[in-house]
Amino acid sequence: RHARGKAAAAAPSGELVIGADTVVDLDGEA
């Protein structure tokens, strides 16, 4: 969700836009 959100909210660009997010998962808890 966060990766897609970052990519969608990024300013328009003539280059390939990348959004990314990292989550640490401990027993199902972020």
Full PDB file with SEQRES, HELIX, SHEET, SSBOND, CRYST1, ORIGX, SCALE, CONECT and MASTER records, all heavy atoms in Angstrom:
SEQRES   1 A   30  ARG HIS ALA ARG GLY LYS ALA ALA ALA ALA ALA PRO SER          
SEQRES   2 A   30  GLY GLU LEU VAL ILE GLY ALA ASP THR VAL VAL ASP LEU          
SEQRES   3 A   30  ASP GLY GLU ALA                                              
HELIX    1 AA1 HIS A    2  ALA A    9  1                                   8    
CRYST1    1.000    1.000    1.000  90.00  90.00  90.00 P 1           1          
ORIGX1      1.000000  0.000000  0.000000        0.00000                         
ORIGX2      0.000000  1.000000  0.000000        0.00000                         
ORIGX3      0.000000  0.000000  1.000000        0.00000                         
SCALE1      1.000000  0.000000  0.000000        0.00000                         
SCALE2      0.000000  1.000000  0.000000        0.00000                         
SCALE3      0.000000  0.000000  1.000000        0.00000                         
ATOM      1  N   ARG A   1       0.836  -1.204   0.000  1.00  0.00           N  
ATOM      2  CA  ARG A   1       0.000   0.000   0.000  1.00  0.00           C  
ATOM      3  C   ARG A   1       0.873   1.257   0.000  1.00  0.00           C  
ATOM      4  O   ARG A   1       0.620   2.200  -0.755  1.00  0.00           O  
ATOM      5  CB  ARG A   1      -0.896  -0.018   1.234  1.00  0.00           C  
ATOM      6  CG  ARG A   1      -1.722   1.265   1.429  1.00  0.00           C  
ATOM      7  CD  ARG A   1      -2.851   1.381   0.450  1.00  0.00           C  
ATOM      8  NE  ARG A   1      -3.847   0.349   0.666  1.00  0.00           N  
ATOM      9  CZ  ARG A   1      -4.871   0.457   1.539  1.00  0.00           C  
ATOM     10  NH1 ARG A   1      -5.024   1.558   2.244  1.00  0.00           N  
ATOM     11  NH2 ARG A   1      -5.732  -0.533   1.665  1.00  0.00           N  
ATOM     12  N   HIS A   2       1.893   1.273   0.857  1.00  0.00           N  
ATOM     13  CA  HIS A   2       2.755   2.454   0.935  1.00  0.00           C  
ATOM     14  C   HIS A   2       3.583   2.636  -0.346  1.00  0.00           C  
ATOM     15  O   HIS A   2       3.765   3.767  -0.811  1.00  0.00           O  
ATOM     16  CB  HIS A   2       3.686   2.350   2.140  1.00  0.00           C  
ATOM     17  CG  HIS A   2       3.003   2.595   3.449  1.00  0.00           C  
ATOM     18  ND1 HIS A   2       1.882   3.380   3.586  1.00  0.00           N  
ATOM     19  CD2 HIS A   2       3.313   2.170   4.713  1.00  0.00           C  
ATOM     20  CE1 HIS A   2       1.519   3.429   4.854  1.00  0.00           C  
ATOM     21  NE2 HIS A   2       2.362   2.698   5.565  1.00  0.00           N  
ATOM     22  N   ALA A   3       4.084   1.547  -0.914  1.00  0.00           N  
ATOM     23  CA  ALA A   3       4.876   1.654  -2.146  1.00  0.00           C  
ATOM     24  C   ALA A   3       4.016   2.211  -3.273  1.00  0.00           C  
ATOM     25  O   ALA A   3       4.435   3.113  -4.015  1.00  0.00           O  
ATOM     26  CB  ALA A   3       5.454   0.296  -2.529  1.00  0.00           C  
ATOM     27  N   ARG A   4       2.806   1.662  -3.427  1.00  0.00           N  
ATOM     28  CA  ARG A   4       1.903   2.162  -4.472  1.00  0.00           C  
ATOM     29  C   ARG A   4       1.529   3.618  -4.216  1.00  0.00           C  
ATOM     30  O   ARG A   4       1.450   4.429  -5.146  1.00  0.00           O  
ATOM     31  CB  ARG A   4       0.649   1.294  -4.522  1.00  0.00           C  
ATOM     32  CG  ARG A   4       0.869  -0.106  -5.092  1.00  0.00           C  
ATOM     33  CD  ARG A   4      -0.457  -0.830  -5.237  1.00  0.00           C  
ATOM     34  NE  ARG A   4      -0.313  -2.123  -5.897  1.00  0.00           N  
ATOM     35  CZ  ARG A   4      -0.563  -3.297  -5.305  1.00  0.00           C  
ATOM     36  NH1 ARG A   4      -0.966  -3.334  -4.043  1.00  0.00           N  
ATOM     37  NH2 ARG A   4      -0.413  -4.426  -5.975  1.00  0.00           N  
ATOM     38  N   GLY A   5       1.303   3.958  -2.959  1.00  0.00           N  
ATOM     39  CA  GLY A   5       0.932   5.325  -2.626  1.00  0.00           C  
ATOM     40  C   GLY A   5       2.032   6.320  -2.941  1.00  0.00           C  
ATOM     41  O   GLY A   5       1.780   7.416  -3.466  1.00  0.00           O  
ATOM     42  N   LYS A   6       3.264   5.946  -2.625  1.00  0.00           N  
ATOM     43  CA  LYS A   6       4.395   6.831  -2.912  1.00  0.00           C  
ATOM     44  C   LYS A   6       4.568   7.041  -4.411  1.00  0.00           C  
ATOM     45  O   LYS A   6       4.852   8.155  -4.868  1.00  0.00           O  
ATOM     46  CB  LYS A   6       5.677   6.248  -2.303  1.00  0.00           C  
ATOM     47  CG  LYS A   6       5.708   6.263  -0.788  1.00  0.00           C  
ATOM     48  CD  LYS A   6       6.958   5.568  -0.268  1.00  0.00           C  
ATOM     49  CE  LYS A   6       6.979   5.483   1.246  1.00  0.00           C  
ATOM     50  NZ  LYS A   6       8.170   4.772   1.768  1.00  0.00           N  
ATOM     51  N   ALA A   7       4.428   5.954  -5.180  1.00  0.00           N  
ATOM     52  CA  ALA A   7       4.577   6.077  -6.634  1.00  0.00           C  
ATOM     53  C   ALA A   7       3.456   6.925  -7.223  1.00  0.00           C  
ATOM     54  O   ALA A   7       3.689   7.776  -8.086  1.00  0.00           O  
ATOM     55  CB  ALA A   7       4.596   4.698  -7.280  1.00  0.00           C  
ATOM     56  N   ALA A   8       2.225   6.710  -6.750  1.00  0.00           N  
ATOM     57  CA  ALA A   8       1.084   7.443  -7.292  1.00  0.00           C  
ATOM     58  C   ALA A   8       1.142   8.926  -6.950  1.00  0.00           C  
ATOM     59  O   ALA A   8       0.720   9.780  -7.741  1.00  0.00           O  
ATOM     60  CB  ALA A   8      -0.217   6.843  -6.760  1.00  0.00           C  
ATOM     61  N   ALA A   9       1.688   9.257  -5.754  1.00  0.00           N  
ATOM     62  CA  ALA A   9       1.720  10.645  -5.307  1.00  0.00           C  
ATOM     63  C   ALA A   9       2.946  11.407  -5.799  1.00  0.00           C  
ATOM     64  O   ALA A   9       3.025  12.622  -5.614  1.00  0.00           O  
ATOM     65  CB  ALA A   9       1.664  10.694  -3.780  1.00  0.00           C  
ATOM     66  N   ALA A  10       3.895  10.713  -6.412  1.00  0.00           N  
ATOM     67  CA  ALA A  10       5.102  11.374  -6.896  1.00  0.00           C  
ATOM     68  C   ALA A  10       4.765  12.320  -8.049  1.00  0.00           C  
ATOM     69  O   ALA A  10       3.820  12.088  -8.810  1.00  0.00           O  
ATOM     70  CB  ALA A  10       6.130  10.340  -7.346  1.00  0.00           C  
ATOM     71  N   ALA A  11       5.552  13.356  -8.179  1.00  0.00           N  
ATOM     72  CA  ALA A  11       5.336  14.337  -9.243  1.00  0.00           C  
ATOM     73  C   ALA A  11       5.475  13.677 -10.612  1.00  0.00           C  
ATOM     74  O   ALA A  11       6.223  12.706 -10.769  1.00  0.00           O  
ATOM     75  CB  ALA A  11       6.349  15.470  -9.104  1.00  0.00           C  
ATOM     76  N   PRO A  12       4.744  14.181 -11.617  1.00  0.00           N  
ATOM     77  CA  PRO A  12       4.868  13.630 -12.975  1.00  0.00           C  
ATOM     78  C   PRO A  12       6.315  13.670 -13.451  1.00  0.00           C  
ATOM     79  O   PRO A  12       7.068  14.589 -13.120  1.00  0.00           O  
ATOM     80  CB  PRO A  12       3.978  14.551 -13.809  1.00  0.00           C  
ATOM     81  CG  PRO A  12       3.003  15.119 -12.835  1.00  0.00           C  
ATOM     82  CD  PRO A  12       3.767  15.272 -11.549  1.00  0.00           C  
ATOM     83  N   SER A  13       6.703  12.662 -14.216  1.00  0.00           N  
ATOM     84  CA  SER A  13       8.096  12.584 -14.673  1.00  0.00           C  
ATOM     85  C   SER A  13       8.177  11.909 -16.034  1.00  0.00           C  
ATOM     86  O   SER A  13       7.356  11.044 -16.360  1.00  0.00           O  
ATOM     87  CB  SER A  13       8.939  11.801 -13.663  1.00  0.00           C  
ATOM     88  OG  SER A  13      10.262  11.611 -14.129  1.00  0.00           O  
ATOM     89  N   GLY A  14       9.170  12.295 -16.792  1.00  0.00           N  
ATOM     90  CA  GLY A  14       9.438  11.637 -18.060  1.00  0.00           C  
ATOM     91  C   GLY A  14      10.224  10.359 -17.880  1.00  0.00           C  
ATOM     92  O   GLY A  14      10.425   9.604 -18.845  1.00  0.00           O  
ATOM     93  N   GLU A  15      10.684  10.098 -16.644  1.00  0.00           N  
ATOM     94  CA  GLU A  15      11.413   8.863 -16.345  1.00  0.00           C  
ATOM     95  C   GLU A  15      10.491   7.890 -15.610  1.00  0.00           C  
ATOM     96  O   GLU A  15       9.435   8.262 -15.116  1.00  0.00           O  
ATOM     97  CB  GLU A  15      12.640   9.175 -15.479  1.00  0.00           C  
ATOM     98  CG  GLU A  15      13.540  10.277 -15.999  1.00  0.00           C  
ATOM     99  CD  GLU A  15      14.163   9.961 -17.353  1.00  0.00           C  
ATOM    100  OE1 GLU A  15      14.128   8.784 -17.766  1.00  0.00           O  
ATOM    101  OE2 GLU A  15      14.685  10.890 -17.977  1.00  0.00           O  
ATOM    102  N   LEU A  16      10.906   6.643 -15.535  1.00  0.00           N  
ATOM    103  CA  LEU A  16      10.151   5.635 -14.809  1.00  0.00           C  
ATOM    104  C   LEU A  16      10.121   6.007 -13.331  1.00  0.00           C  
ATOM    105  O   LEU A  16      11.169   6.194 -12.704  1.00  0.00           O  
ATOM    106  CB  LEU A  16      10.789   4.255 -14.995  1.00  0.00           C  
ATOM    107  CG  LEU A  16      10.054   3.081 -14.361  1.00  0.00           C  
ATOM    108  CD1 LEU A  16       8.709   2.844 -15.049  1.00  0.00           C  
ATOM    109  CD2 LEU A  16      10.923   1.821 -14.437  1.00  0.00           C  
ATOM    110  N   VAL A  17       8.934   6.122 -12.750  1.00  0.00           N  
ATOM    111  CA  VAL A  17       8.777   6.529 -11.355  1.00  0.00           C  
ATOM    112  C   VAL A  17       8.786   5.286 -10.455  1.00  0.00           C  
ATOM    113  O   VAL A  17       8.138   4.283 -10.752  1.00  0.00           O  
ATOM    114  CB  VAL A  17       7.463   7.311 -11.155  1.00  0.00           C  
ATOM    115  CG1 VAL A  17       7.249   7.645  -9.678  1.00  0.00           C  
ATOM    116  CG2 VAL A  17       7.483   8.583 -11.997  1.00  0.00           C  
ATOM    117  N   ILE A  18       9.504   5.387  -9.348  1.00  0.00           N  
ATOM    118  CA  ILE A  18       9.613   4.280  -8.402  1.00  0.00           C  
ATOM    119  C   ILE A  18       9.168   4.731  -7.021  1.00  0.00           C  
ATOM    120  O   ILE A  18       9.613   5.757  -6.506  1.00  0.00           O  
ATOM    121  CB  ILE A  18      11.066   3.765  -8.308  1.00  0.00           C  
ATOM    122  CG1 ILE A  18      11.559   3.274  -9.670  1.00  0.00           C  
ATOM    123  CG2 ILE A  18      11.169   2.648  -7.267  1.00  0.00           C  
ATOM    124  CD1 ILE A  18      13.026   2.876  -9.662  1.00  0.00           C  
ATOM    125  N   GLY A  19       8.287   3.940  -6.417  1.00  0.00           N  
ATOM    126  CA  GLY A  19       7.941   4.099  -5.010  1.00  0.00           C  
ATOM    127  C   GLY A  19       8.308   2.818  -4.294  1.00  0.00           C  
ATOM    128  O   GLY A  19       8.198   1.727  -4.875  1.00  0.00           O  
ATOM    129  N   ALA A  20       8.749   2.908  -3.053  1.00  0.00           N  
ATOM    130  CA  ALA A  20       9.143   1.696  -2.320  1.00  0.00           C  
ATOM    131  C   ALA A  20       8.887   1.882  -0.838  1.00  0.00           C  
ATOM    132  O   ALA A  20       8.872   3.008  -0.326  1.00  0.00           O  
ATOM    133  CB  ALA A  20      10.623   1.378  -2.573  1.00  0.00           C  
ATOM    134  N   ASP A  21       8.705   0.762  -0.162  1.00  0.00           N  
ATOM    135  CA  ASP A  21       8.500   0.808   1.283  1.00  0.00           C  
ATOM    136  C   ASP A  21       8.979  -0.496   1.904  1.00  0.00           C  
ATOM    137  O   ASP A  21       8.822  -1.571   1.317  1.00  0.00           O  
ATOM    138  CB  ASP A  21       7.020   1.011   1.614  1.00  0.00           C  
ATOM    139  CG  ASP A  21       6.817   1.329   3.086  1.00  0.00           C  
ATOM    140  OD1 ASP A  21       7.265   2.409   3.523  1.00  0.00           O  
ATOM    141  OD2 ASP A  21       6.226   0.507   3.807  1.00  0.00           O  
ATOM    142  N   THR A  22       9.569  -0.377   3.086  1.00  0.00           N  
ATOM    143  CA  THR A  22      10.083  -1.535   3.813  1.00  0.00           C  
ATOM    144  C   THR A  22       9.372  -1.658   5.148  1.00  0.00           C  
ATOM    145  O   THR A  22       9.231  -0.675   5.877  1.00  0.00           O  
ATOM    146  CB  THR A  22      11.600  -1.411   4.044  1.00  0.00           C  
ATOM    147  OG1 THR A  22      12.269  -1.378   2.771  1.00  0.00           O  
ATOM    148  CG2 THR A  22      12.133  -2.583   4.850  1.00  0.00           C  
ATOM    149  N   VAL A  23       8.924  -2.871   5.468  1.00  0.00           N  
ATOM    150  CA  VAL A  23       8.226  -3.142   6.722  1.00  0.00           C  
ATOM    151  C   VAL A  23       8.903  -4.321   7.413  1.00  0.00           C  
ATOM    152  O   VAL A  23       9.179  -5.340   6.788  1.00  0.00           O  
ATOM    153  CB  VAL A  23       6.738  -3.466   6.468  1.00  0.00           C  
ATOM    154  CG1 VAL A  23       6.060  -3.903   7.760  1.00  0.00           C  
ATOM    155  CG2 VAL A  23       6.022  -2.263   5.877  1.00  0.00           C  
ATOM    156  N   VAL A  24       9.185  -4.153   8.696  1.00  0.00           N  
ATOM    157  CA  VAL A  24       9.722  -5.249   9.501  1.00  0.00           C  
ATOM    158  C   VAL A  24       8.549  -5.956  10.173  1.00  0.00           C  
ATOM    159  O   VAL A  24       7.716  -5.329  10.835  1.00  0.00           O  
ATOM    160  CB  VAL A  24      10.722  -4.715  10.550  1.00  0.00           C  
ATOM    161  CG1 VAL A  24      11.087  -5.813  11.549  1.00  0.00           C  
ATOM    162  CG2 VAL A  24      11.982  -4.204   9.857  1.00  0.00           C  
ATOM    163  N   ASP A  25       8.491  -7.251   9.991  1.00  0.00           N  
ATOM    164  CA  ASP A  25       7.359  -8.079  10.408  1.00  0.00           C  
ATOM    165  C   ASP A  25       7.809  -9.031  11.516  1.00  0.00           C  
ATOM    166  O   ASP A  25       8.589  -9.951  11.283  1.00  0.00           O  
ATOM    167  CB  ASP A  25       6.868  -8.856   9.174  1.00  0.00           C  
ATOM    168  CG  ASP A  25       5.742  -9.831   9.466  1.00  0.00           C  
ATOM    169  OD1 ASP A  25       5.411 -10.063  10.631  1.00  0.00           O  
ATOM    170  OD2 ASP A  25       5.202 -10.381   8.480  1.00  0.00           O  
ATOM    171  N   LEU A  26       7.326  -8.789  12.726  1.00  0.00           N  
ATOM    172  CA  LEU A  26       7.628  -9.672  13.849  1.00  0.00           C  
ATOM    173  C   LEU A  26       6.340 -10.374  14.275  1.00  0.00           C  
ATOM    174  O   LEU A  26       5.442  -9.748  14.847  1.00  0.00           O  
ATOM    175  CB  LEU A  26       8.210  -8.870  15.019  1.00  0.00           C  
ATOM    176  CG  LEU A  26       8.596  -9.684  16.261  1.00  0.00           C  
ATOM    177  CD1 LEU A  26       9.714 -10.677  15.931  1.00  0.00           C  
ATOM    178  CD2 LEU A  26       9.003  -8.774  17.410  1.00  0.00           C  
ATOM    179  N   ASP A  27       6.246 -11.646  13.941  1.00  0.00           N  
ATOM    180  CA  ASP A  27       5.060 -12.444  14.290  1.00  0.00           C  
ATOM    181  C   ASP A  27       3.774 -11.801  13.784  1.00  0.00           C  
ATOM    182  O   ASP A  27       2.741 -11.795  14.475  1.00  0.00           O  
ATOM    183  CB  ASP A  27       4.975 -12.645  15.801  1.00  0.00           C  
ATOM    184  CG  ASP A  27       6.171 -13.406  16.355  1.00  0.00           C  
ATOM    185  OD1 ASP A  27       6.767 -14.200  15.599  1.00  0.00           O  
ATOM    186  OD2 ASP A  27       6.525 -13.192  17.530  1.00  0.00           O  
ATOM    187  N   GLY A  28       3.824 -11.224  12.571  1.00  0.00           N  
ATOM    188  CA  GLY A  28       2.634 -10.635  11.984  1.00  0.00           C  
ATOM    189  C   GLY A  28       2.370  -9.197  12.379  1.00  0.00           C  
ATOM    190  O   GLY A  28       1.403  -8.583  11.898  1.00  0.00           O  
ATOM    191  N   GLU A  29       3.220  -8.623  13.217  1.00  0.00           N  
ATOM    192  CA  GLU A  29       3.088  -7.222  13.626  1.00  0.00           C  
ATOM    193  C   GLU A  29       4.123  -6.371  12.897  1.00  0.00           C  
ATOM    194  O   GLU A  29       5.303  -6.724  12.848  1.00  0.00           O  
ATOM    195  CB  GLU A  29       3.283  -7.080  15.132  1.00  0.00           C  
ATOM    196  CG  GLU A  29       3.205  -5.642  15.622  1.00  0.00           C  
ATOM    197  CD  GLU A  29       3.554  -5.505  17.089  1.00  0.00           C  
ATOM    198  OE1 GLU A  29       3.633  -6.544  17.790  1.00  0.00           O  
ATOM    199  OE2 GLU A  29       3.761  -4.362  17.550  1.00  0.00           O  
ATOM    200  N   ALA A  30       3.690  -5.273  12.323  1.00  0.00           N  
ATOM    201  CA  ALA A  30       4.599  -4.377  11.619  1.00  0.00           C  
ATOM    202  C   ALA A  30       5.319  -3.469  12.607  1.00  0.00           C  
ATOM    203  O   ALA A  30       4.673  -2.746  13.380  1.00  0.00           O  
ATOM    204  CB  ALA A  30       3.831  -3.539  10.607  1.00  0.00           C  
TER     205      ALA A  30                                                      
MASTER        0    0    0    1    0    0    0    6  204    1    0    3          
END                                                                             
